[in-house]
Amino acid sequence: MKNLEKILKALTNKRRLAILKYLKDNHKAPVGEIAGEINLSFKATSKHLTILSAVDIVEKNQVGIRAFYTLVADQKPATKYILSLL
């Protein structure tokens, strides 16, 4: 139950939902691109991505100095359901 609570807390933010929608539609994107799309600063977007990464919703792949984010392929059922609504 504690893990589900953490996941749900991570998903109860409109900016994080916007990030997830963008990644769902685009599959892979660097922080700066995501920030521009959701109209948020690089730093704030990075913080939201860290929260989503901590509960295994997104994963980061470092390519040189750029960090690319993607949705984790094997989502937990609650996360998978919420992503299906976006």
N, C-alpha and C. Protein backbone atom coordinates (compact mmCIF):
# COMPACT_ATOMS: atom_id res chain seq x y z
N MET A 1 0.82 -1.21 0.00
CA MET A 1 0.00 0.00 0.00
C MET A 1 0.86 1.27 0.00
N LYS A 2 1.98 1.22 0.69
CA LYS A 2 2.84 2.40 0.76
C LYS A 2 3.38 2.77 -0.63
N ASN A 3 3.74 1.75 -1.42
CA ASN A 3 4.24 1.99 -2.77
C ASN A 3 3.16 2.60 -3.66
N LEU A 4 1.93 2.09 -3.55
CA LEU A 4 0.82 2.63 -4.32
C LEU A 4 0.57 4.09 -3.93
N GLU A 5 0.67 4.38 -2.64
CA GLU A 5 0.48 5.76 -2.18
C GLU A 5 1.52 6.69 -2.81
N LYS A 6 2.77 6.27 -2.88
CA LYS A 6 3.82 7.08 -3.48
C LYS A 6 3.55 7.32 -4.96
N ILE A 7 3.11 6.28 -5.65
CA ILE A 7 2.80 6.41 -7.08
C ILE A 7 1.65 7.40 -7.28
N LEU A 8 0.60 7.24 -6.50
CA LEU A 8 -0.55 8.13 -6.65
C LEU A 8 -0.21 9.58 -6.32
N LYS A 9 0.63 9.78 -5.31
CA LYS A 9 1.06 11.15 -4.98
C LYS A 9 1.86 11.75 -6.13
N ALA A 10 2.70 10.94 -6.77
CA ALA A 10 3.49 11.43 -7.90
C ALA A 10 2.59 11.80 -9.07
N LEU A 11 1.47 11.12 -9.20
CA LEU A 11 0.57 11.35 -10.33
C LEU A 11 -0.48 12.44 -10.08
N THR A 12 -0.54 12.96 -8.88
CA THR A 12 -1.56 13.97 -8.57
C THR A 12 -1.00 15.39 -8.72
N ASN A 13 -0.43 15.66 -9.89
CA ASN A 13 0.12 16.97 -10.18
C ASN A 13 -0.08 17.22 -11.67
N LYS A 14 -0.68 18.34 -12.01
CA LYS A 14 -0.99 18.58 -13.42
C LYS A 14 0.26 18.71 -14.29
N ARG A 15 1.35 19.23 -13.75
CA ARG A 15 2.58 19.34 -14.54
C ARG A 15 3.17 17.96 -14.83
N ARG A 16 3.15 17.08 -13.81
CA ARG A 16 3.67 15.73 -14.02
C ARG A 16 2.78 14.96 -14.98
N LEU A 17 1.49 15.17 -14.92
CA LEU A 17 0.59 14.52 -15.89
C LEU A 17 0.86 15.04 -17.30
N ALA A 18 1.15 16.33 -17.42
CA ALA A 18 1.49 16.90 -18.73
C ALA A 18 2.79 16.28 -19.26
N ILE A 19 3.75 16.08 -18.38
CA ILE A 19 5.01 15.44 -18.77
C ILE A 19 4.74 14.03 -19.27
N LEU A 20 3.93 13.29 -18.53
CA LEU A 20 3.62 11.92 -18.92
C LEU A 20 2.87 11.86 -20.25
N LYS A 21 1.95 12.77 -20.45
CA LYS A 21 1.22 12.84 -21.73
C LYS A 21 2.19 13.11 -22.86
N TYR A 22 3.12 14.04 -22.65
CA TYR A 22 4.09 14.36 -23.69
C TYR A 22 4.98 13.15 -24.01
N LEU A 23 5.45 12.47 -22.96
CA LEU A 23 6.29 11.29 -23.18
C LEU A 23 5.50 10.15 -23.81
N LYS A 24 4.25 10.03 -23.45
CA LYS A 24 3.41 8.99 -24.06
C LYS A 24 3.28 9.24 -25.57
N ASP A 25 3.10 10.49 -25.95
CA ASP A 25 2.94 10.85 -27.36
C ASP A 25 4.25 10.84 -28.14
N ASN A 26 5.38 11.15 -27.47
CA ASN A 26 6.65 11.32 -28.17
C ASN A 26 7.69 10.26 -27.85
N HIS A 27 7.42 9.41 -26.90
CA HIS A 27 8.26 8.27 -26.53
C HIS A 27 9.57 8.62 -25.84
N LYS A 28 10.28 9.65 -26.28
CA LYS A 28 11.59 9.98 -25.73
C LYS A 28 11.83 11.47 -25.92
N ALA A 29 12.32 12.14 -24.87
CA ALA A 29 12.59 13.57 -25.01
C ALA A 29 13.57 14.04 -23.96
N PRO A 30 14.39 15.04 -24.32
CA PRO A 30 15.29 15.65 -23.34
C PRO A 30 14.52 16.61 -22.44
N VAL A 31 15.10 16.92 -21.31
CA VAL A 31 14.44 17.79 -20.32
C VAL A 31 14.04 19.14 -20.93
N GLY A 32 14.95 19.75 -21.68
CA GLY A 32 14.66 21.07 -22.25
C GLY A 32 13.46 21.06 -23.19
N GLU A 33 13.32 20.02 -23.97
CA GLU A 33 12.19 19.89 -24.89
C GLU A 33 10.88 19.74 -24.10
N ILE A 34 10.91 18.90 -23.08
CA ILE A 34 9.73 18.70 -22.23
C ILE A 34 9.35 20.02 -21.56
N ALA A 35 10.35 20.72 -21.02
CA ALA A 35 10.11 21.99 -20.34
C ALA A 35 9.44 23.00 -21.27
N GLY A 36 9.93 23.08 -22.50
CA GLY A 36 9.34 24.00 -23.47
C GLY A 36 7.91 23.64 -23.81
N GLU A 37 7.66 22.36 -23.92
CA GLU A 37 6.32 21.90 -24.28
C GLU A 37 5.28 22.16 -23.20
N ILE A 38 5.69 22.00 -21.93
CA ILE A 38 4.73 22.19 -20.83
C ILE A 38 4.82 23.59 -20.22
N ASN A 39 5.67 24.45 -20.84
CA ASN A 39 5.79 25.84 -20.43
C ASN A 39 6.24 25.97 -18.97
N LEU A 40 7.35 25.32 -18.64
CA LEU A 40 7.88 25.31 -17.29
C LEU A 40 9.40 25.43 -17.39
N SER A 41 10.04 25.92 -16.35
CA SER A 41 11.49 26.07 -16.37
C SER A 41 12.18 24.71 -16.43
N PHE A 42 13.41 24.73 -16.91
CA PHE A 42 14.22 23.52 -16.99
C PHE A 42 14.37 22.90 -15.61
N LYS A 43 14.68 23.73 -14.63
CA LYS A 43 14.91 23.25 -13.26
C LYS A 43 13.65 22.61 -12.66
N ALA A 44 12.51 23.25 -12.81
CA ALA A 44 11.26 22.72 -12.27
C ALA A 44 10.87 21.42 -12.98
N THR A 45 11.06 21.38 -14.29
CA THR A 45 10.75 20.17 -15.06
C THR A 45 11.64 19.03 -14.61
N SER A 46 12.91 19.32 -14.40
CA SER A 46 13.85 18.31 -13.95
C SER A 46 13.44 17.75 -12.58
N LYS A 47 12.96 18.62 -11.72
CA LYS A 47 12.51 18.18 -10.39
C LYS A 47 11.29 17.24 -10.52
N HIS A 48 10.35 17.60 -11.38
CA HIS A 48 9.17 16.75 -11.59
C HIS A 48 9.59 15.39 -12.16
N LEU A 49 10.55 15.40 -13.09
CA LEU A 49 11.03 14.15 -13.66
C LEU A 49 11.73 13.28 -12.62
N THR A 50 12.43 13.90 -11.70
CA THR A 50 13.08 13.17 -10.61
C THR A 50 12.04 12.47 -9.74
N ILE A 51 10.94 13.14 -9.46
CA ILE A 51 9.85 12.55 -8.67
C ILE A 51 9.25 11.36 -9.41
N LEU A 52 9.01 11.52 -10.71
CA LEU A 52 8.44 10.43 -11.50
C LEU A 52 9.42 9.26 -11.63
N SER A 53 10.69 9.57 -11.69
CA SER A 53 11.71 8.54 -11.78
C SER A 53 11.83 7.75 -10.47
N ALA A 54 11.65 8.43 -9.35
CA ALA A 54 11.77 7.79 -8.03
C ALA A 54 10.72 6.71 -7.81
N VAL A 55 9.60 6.80 -8.51
CA VAL A 55 8.54 5.78 -8.37
C VAL A 55 8.45 4.91 -9.63
N ASP A 56 9.52 4.90 -10.41
CA ASP A 56 9.65 4.03 -11.58
C ASP A 56 8.57 4.22 -12.64
N ILE A 57 8.23 5.48 -12.90
CA ILE A 57 7.28 5.79 -13.96
C ILE A 57 8.03 6.21 -15.22
N VAL A 58 9.11 6.96 -15.02
CA VAL A 58 9.97 7.34 -16.14
C VAL A 58 11.39 6.88 -15.85
N GLU A 59 12.18 6.76 -16.93
CA GLU A 59 13.58 6.44 -16.75
C GLU A 59 14.43 7.41 -17.55
N LYS A 60 15.63 7.63 -17.05
CA LYS A 60 16.55 8.59 -17.66
C LYS A 60 17.67 7.85 -18.36
N ASN A 61 17.99 8.31 -19.55
CA ASN A 61 19.13 7.80 -20.31
C ASN A 61 20.04 8.98 -20.63
N GLN A 62 21.24 8.95 -20.12
CA GLN A 62 22.20 10.03 -20.33
C GLN A 62 22.93 9.80 -21.65
N VAL A 63 22.91 10.80 -22.53
CA VAL A 63 23.64 10.77 -23.79
C VAL A 63 24.49 12.03 -23.83
N GLY A 64 25.76 11.87 -23.51
CA GLY A 64 26.64 13.04 -23.40
C GLY A 64 26.19 13.89 -22.23
N ILE A 65 25.94 15.16 -22.51
CA ILE A 65 25.49 16.05 -21.43
C ILE A 65 23.96 16.15 -21.35
N ARG A 66 23.28 15.52 -22.29
CA ARG A 66 21.81 15.59 -22.32
C ARG A 66 21.20 14.36 -21.67
N ALA A 67 20.14 14.60 -20.91
CA ALA A 67 19.39 13.51 -20.29
C ALA A 67 18.07 13.35 -21.03
N PHE A 68 17.83 12.17 -21.54
CA PHE A 68 16.59 11.85 -22.24
C PHE A 68 15.71 11.01 -21.32
N TYR A 69 14.43 11.31 -21.34
CA TYR A 69 13.48 10.57 -20.51
C TYR A 69 12.50 9.80 -21.37
N THR A 70 12.14 8.63 -20.89
CA THR A 70 11.13 7.79 -21.52
C THR A 70 10.25 7.20 -20.43
N LEU A 71 9.08 6.73 -20.82
CA LEU A 71 8.23 6.01 -19.89
C LEU A 71 8.84 4.62 -19.66
N VAL A 72 8.77 4.14 -18.43
CA VAL A 72 9.22 2.78 -18.14
C VAL A 72 8.31 1.82 -18.89
N ALA A 73 8.89 0.83 -19.54
CA ALA A 73 8.11 -0.09 -20.38
C ALA A 73 7.13 -0.93 -19.58
N ASP A 74 7.53 -1.43 -18.44
CA ASP A 74 6.69 -2.32 -17.64
C ASP A 74 6.08 -1.56 -16.46
N GLN A 75 4.98 -0.85 -16.73
CA GLN A 75 4.32 -0.03 -15.72
C GLN A 75 3.51 -0.88 -14.75
N LYS A 76 3.41 -0.40 -13.53
CA LYS A 76 2.53 -1.04 -12.54
C LYS A 76 1.08 -0.82 -12.98
N PRO A 77 0.16 -1.70 -12.60
CA PRO A 77 -1.23 -1.61 -13.08
C PRO A 77 -1.88 -0.24 -12.84
N ALA A 78 -1.69 0.35 -11.67
CA ALA A 78 -2.31 1.66 -11.39
C ALA A 78 -1.78 2.72 -12.33
N THR A 79 -0.47 2.71 -12.54
CA THR A 79 0.16 3.69 -13.44
C THR A 79 -0.30 3.46 -14.87
N LYS A 80 -0.33 2.21 -15.27
CA LYS A 80 -0.75 1.87 -16.64
C LYS A 80 -2.17 2.37 -16.90
N TYR A 81 -3.05 2.21 -15.92
CA TYR A 81 -4.42 2.67 -16.09
C TYR A 81 -4.47 4.19 -16.24
N ILE A 82 -3.77 4.90 -15.38
CA ILE A 82 -3.78 6.36 -15.44
C ILE A 82 -3.19 6.85 -16.75
N LEU A 83 -2.11 6.21 -17.21
CA LEU A 83 -1.52 6.59 -18.50
C LEU A 83 -2.48 6.36 -19.65
N SER A 84 -3.32 5.34 -19.52
CA SER A 84 -4.29 5.07 -20.59
C SER A 84 -5.35 6.17 -20.68
N LEU A 85 -5.53 6.92 -19.62
CA LEU A 85 -6.51 8.00 -19.62
C LEU A 85 -5.97 9.28 -20.25
N LEU A 86 -4.66 9.39 -20.38
CA LEU A 86 -4.05 10.61 -20.92
C LEU A 86 -4.14 10.67 -22.42
